[in-house]
Amino acid sequence: MKAASIFLLSALVLLSLSGNTRADFLGREANCNKEMTRCSKIYKPVCGTDGNTYSNECMLCIENQRRQVAVRIKQSGPC
């Protein structure tokens, strides 16, 4: 009985942890405006899901428009 309880508790912990890594993998969507053509020079780096560091969120949006891809923000700050 005690072994079964430990096994079930361990399984629940592993399942909850695997759910968190999936959410991080997807990243968050960049806040883009369809009419974006120029960005400010403010350096506030973001790490894209493609593994590249962009100088700010706007630069990621411009690059997405230029290349016709949907790179998301993996994390704030450089990769």
N, C-alpha and C. Protein backbone atom coordinates (compact mmCIF):
# COMPACT_ATOMS: atom_id res chain seq x y z
N MET A 1 0.82 -1.20 0.00
CA MET A 1 0.00 0.00 0.00
C MET A 1 0.87 1.26 0.00
N LYS A 2 1.89 1.27 0.85
CA LYS A 2 2.78 2.42 0.94
C LYS A 2 3.56 2.62 -0.36
N ALA A 3 4.02 1.51 -0.96
CA ALA A 3 4.77 1.59 -2.22
C ALA A 3 3.89 2.13 -3.34
N ALA A 4 2.64 1.71 -3.38
CA ALA A 4 1.71 2.18 -4.42
C ALA A 4 1.45 3.67 -4.27
N SER A 5 1.34 4.15 -3.05
CA SER A 5 1.13 5.58 -2.81
C SER A 5 2.32 6.40 -3.28
N ILE A 6 3.52 5.92 -2.98
CA ILE A 6 4.74 6.62 -3.40
C ILE A 6 4.83 6.64 -4.93
N PHE A 7 4.50 5.51 -5.55
CA PHE A 7 4.52 5.43 -7.01
C PHE A 7 3.55 6.43 -7.63
N LEU A 8 2.32 6.47 -7.13
CA LEU A 8 1.31 7.40 -7.66
C LEU A 8 1.71 8.85 -7.46
N LEU A 9 2.25 9.17 -6.31
CA LEU A 9 2.70 10.53 -6.04
C LEU A 9 3.83 10.92 -6.98
N SER A 10 4.77 10.02 -7.20
CA SER A 10 5.88 10.28 -8.13
C SER A 10 5.37 10.48 -9.55
N ALA A 11 4.41 9.67 -9.96
CA ALA A 11 3.84 9.81 -11.30
C ALA A 11 3.15 11.16 -11.46
N LEU A 12 2.42 11.61 -10.46
CA LEU A 12 1.76 12.92 -10.53
C LEU A 12 2.78 14.06 -10.63
N VAL A 13 3.85 13.96 -9.88
CA VAL A 13 4.89 15.00 -9.93
C VAL A 13 5.52 15.04 -11.32
N LEU A 14 5.85 13.89 -11.89
CA LEU A 14 6.45 13.86 -13.22
C LEU A 14 5.50 14.40 -14.28
N LEU A 15 4.23 14.08 -14.19
CA LEU A 15 3.26 14.59 -15.15
C LEU A 15 3.11 16.11 -15.05
N SER A 16 3.11 16.64 -13.85
CA SER A 16 2.98 18.09 -13.70
C SER A 16 4.22 18.81 -14.22
N LEU A 17 5.39 18.23 -14.02
CA LEU A 17 6.62 18.85 -14.52
C LEU A 17 6.69 18.81 -16.03
N SER A 18 6.24 17.75 -16.64
CA SER A 18 6.28 17.65 -18.10
C SER A 18 5.35 18.67 -18.73
N GLY A 19 4.27 19.02 -18.09
CA GLY A 19 3.36 20.04 -18.61
C GLY A 19 4.00 21.41 -18.61
N ASN A 20 4.79 21.73 -17.61
CA ASN A 20 5.45 23.03 -17.55
C ASN A 20 6.49 23.19 -18.64
N THR A 21 7.25 22.15 -18.95
CA THR A 21 8.27 22.28 -19.98
C THR A 21 7.64 22.46 -21.35
N ARG A 22 6.50 21.89 -21.59
CA ARG A 22 5.82 22.06 -22.87
C ARG A 22 5.39 23.51 -23.06
N ALA A 23 4.91 24.15 -22.02
CA ALA A 23 4.49 25.55 -22.12
C ALA A 23 5.69 26.45 -22.40
N ASP A 24 6.83 26.17 -21.78
CA ASP A 24 8.03 26.97 -22.03
C ASP A 24 8.54 26.77 -23.45
N PHE A 25 8.41 25.57 -23.96
CA PHE A 25 8.89 25.28 -25.29
C PHE A 25 8.15 26.10 -26.34
N LEU A 26 6.86 26.29 -26.17
CA LEU A 26 6.07 27.02 -27.14
C LEU A 26 6.37 28.51 -27.14
N GLY A 27 6.76 29.06 -26.01
CA GLY A 27 7.03 30.48 -25.92
C GLY A 27 5.77 31.31 -25.96
N ARG A 28 5.96 32.61 -25.87
CA ARG A 28 4.79 33.50 -25.94
C ARG A 28 4.82 34.26 -27.26
N GLU A 29 3.67 34.66 -27.70
CA GLU A 29 3.56 35.38 -28.96
C GLU A 29 4.03 36.82 -28.78
N ALA A 30 4.75 37.32 -29.75
CA ALA A 30 5.23 38.71 -29.71
C ALA A 30 4.05 39.66 -29.96
N ASN A 31 4.12 40.83 -29.34
CA ASN A 31 3.08 41.84 -29.51
C ASN A 31 3.41 42.65 -30.76
N CYS A 32 2.88 42.22 -31.90
CA CYS A 32 3.21 42.84 -33.19
C CYS A 32 2.03 43.63 -33.74
N ASN A 33 2.36 44.68 -34.45
CA ASN A 33 1.38 45.51 -35.14
C ASN A 33 1.60 45.29 -36.63
N LYS A 34 0.55 45.08 -37.40
CA LYS A 34 0.68 44.77 -38.83
C LYS A 34 1.35 45.89 -39.61
N GLU A 35 1.27 47.14 -39.16
CA GLU A 35 1.86 48.27 -39.87
C GLU A 35 3.29 48.58 -39.42
N MET A 36 3.90 47.70 -38.65
CA MET A 36 5.26 47.94 -38.17
C MET A 36 6.23 47.97 -39.35
N THR A 37 6.96 49.06 -39.46
CA THR A 37 8.00 49.15 -40.49
C THR A 37 9.33 49.57 -39.88
N ARG A 38 9.28 50.22 -38.72
CA ARG A 38 10.50 50.67 -38.05
C ARG A 38 10.37 50.45 -36.56
N CYS A 39 11.52 50.25 -35.92
CA CYS A 39 11.55 49.99 -34.48
C CYS A 39 12.40 51.03 -33.78
N SER A 40 12.16 51.20 -32.49
CA SER A 40 13.01 52.08 -31.69
C SER A 40 14.36 51.41 -31.50
N LYS A 41 15.34 52.20 -31.08
CA LYS A 41 16.68 51.65 -30.85
C LYS A 41 16.89 51.23 -29.40
N ILE A 42 15.79 51.14 -28.64
CA ILE A 42 15.90 50.74 -27.24
C ILE A 42 16.29 49.28 -27.18
N TYR A 43 17.38 48.99 -26.44
CA TYR A 43 17.88 47.62 -26.32
C TYR A 43 17.19 46.93 -25.16
N LYS A 44 16.28 46.04 -25.50
CA LYS A 44 15.56 45.22 -24.52
C LYS A 44 15.47 43.82 -25.14
N PRO A 45 16.56 43.05 -25.08
CA PRO A 45 16.65 41.81 -25.86
C PRO A 45 15.62 40.75 -25.48
N VAL A 46 15.24 39.99 -26.50
CA VAL A 46 14.37 38.83 -26.31
C VAL A 46 14.99 37.65 -27.06
N CYS A 47 14.79 36.46 -26.53
CA CYS A 47 15.29 35.24 -27.14
C CYS A 47 14.14 34.59 -27.91
N GLY A 48 14.33 34.41 -29.20
CA GLY A 48 13.31 33.79 -30.03
C GLY A 48 13.36 32.27 -29.95
N THR A 49 12.25 31.64 -30.30
CA THR A 49 12.20 30.18 -30.29
C THR A 49 13.10 29.58 -31.36
N ASP A 50 13.64 30.42 -32.25
CA ASP A 50 14.59 29.94 -33.26
C ASP A 50 16.03 29.95 -32.74
N GLY A 51 16.22 30.37 -31.48
CA GLY A 51 17.55 30.39 -30.88
C GLY A 51 18.33 31.67 -31.12
N ASN A 52 17.73 32.64 -31.79
CA ASN A 52 18.39 33.93 -32.05
C ASN A 52 17.96 34.97 -31.02
N THR A 53 18.88 35.88 -30.70
CA THR A 53 18.57 37.00 -29.82
C THR A 53 18.21 38.20 -30.69
N TYR A 54 17.09 38.83 -30.39
CA TYR A 54 16.65 40.03 -31.09
C TYR A 54 16.79 41.20 -30.14
N SER A 55 17.19 42.37 -30.66
CA SER A 55 17.48 43.51 -29.79
C SER A 55 16.25 44.02 -29.05
N ASN A 56 15.06 43.79 -29.59
CA ASN A 56 13.82 44.09 -28.88
C ASN A 56 12.68 43.33 -29.56
N GLU A 57 11.52 43.36 -28.96
CA GLU A 57 10.36 42.61 -29.46
C GLU A 57 9.94 43.09 -30.84
N CYS A 58 10.07 44.36 -31.10
CA CYS A 58 9.71 44.92 -32.40
C CYS A 58 10.60 44.34 -33.50
N MET A 59 11.90 44.19 -33.22
CA MET A 59 12.81 43.63 -34.22
C MET A 59 12.44 42.18 -34.55
N LEU A 60 11.98 41.44 -33.55
CA LEU A 60 11.50 40.08 -33.79
C LEU A 60 10.28 40.12 -34.71
N CYS A 61 9.38 41.05 -34.48
CA CYS A 61 8.18 41.19 -35.32
C CYS A 61 8.56 41.52 -36.77
N ILE A 62 9.48 42.45 -36.94
CA ILE A 62 9.91 42.85 -38.29
C ILE A 62 10.53 41.65 -39.01
N GLU A 63 11.35 40.90 -38.30
CA GLU A 63 11.99 39.72 -38.90
C GLU A 63 10.94 38.66 -39.25
N ASN A 64 9.92 38.49 -38.40
CA ASN A 64 8.83 37.55 -38.72
C ASN A 64 8.11 37.97 -40.00
N GLN A 65 7.85 39.26 -40.15
CA GLN A 65 7.18 39.75 -41.36
C GLN A 65 8.06 39.56 -42.59
N ARG A 66 9.34 39.85 -42.45
CA ARG A 66 10.27 39.77 -43.57
C ARG A 66 10.43 38.33 -44.06
N ARG A 67 10.59 37.41 -43.12
CA ARG A 67 10.83 36.00 -43.49
C ARG A 67 9.55 35.17 -43.59
N GLN A 68 8.41 35.75 -43.24
CA GLN A 68 7.12 35.05 -43.26
C GLN A 68 7.16 33.79 -42.39
N VAL A 69 7.64 33.96 -41.15
CA VAL A 69 7.68 32.87 -40.18
C VAL A 69 7.00 33.34 -38.90
N ALA A 70 6.82 32.43 -37.98
CA ALA A 70 6.16 32.77 -36.72
C ALA A 70 7.07 32.42 -35.54
N VAL A 71 8.19 33.12 -35.43
CA VAL A 71 9.08 32.93 -34.29
C VAL A 71 8.41 33.55 -33.08
N ARG A 72 8.40 32.84 -31.97
CA ARG A 72 7.80 33.32 -30.73
C ARG A 72 8.90 33.70 -29.76
N ILE A 73 8.54 34.32 -28.65
CA ILE A 73 9.51 34.71 -27.63
C ILE A 73 9.65 33.59 -26.62
N LYS A 74 10.85 33.03 -26.57
CA LYS A 74 11.14 31.94 -25.62
C LYS A 74 11.34 32.50 -24.22
N GLN A 75 12.07 33.63 -24.12
CA GLN A 75 12.34 34.26 -22.84
C GLN A 75 12.74 35.71 -23.05
N SER A 76 12.58 36.52 -22.03
CA SER A 76 13.10 37.88 -22.06
C SER A 76 14.59 37.81 -21.79
N GLY A 77 15.34 38.66 -22.45
CA GLY A 77 16.80 38.65 -22.30
C GLY A 77 17.43 37.86 -23.44
N PRO A 78 18.75 37.91 -23.52
CA PRO A 78 19.45 37.21 -24.61
C PRO A 78 19.37 35.70 -24.44
N CYS A 79 19.58 34.99 -25.54
CA CYS A 79 19.57 33.52 -25.55
C CYS A 79 20.81 32.97 -24.86
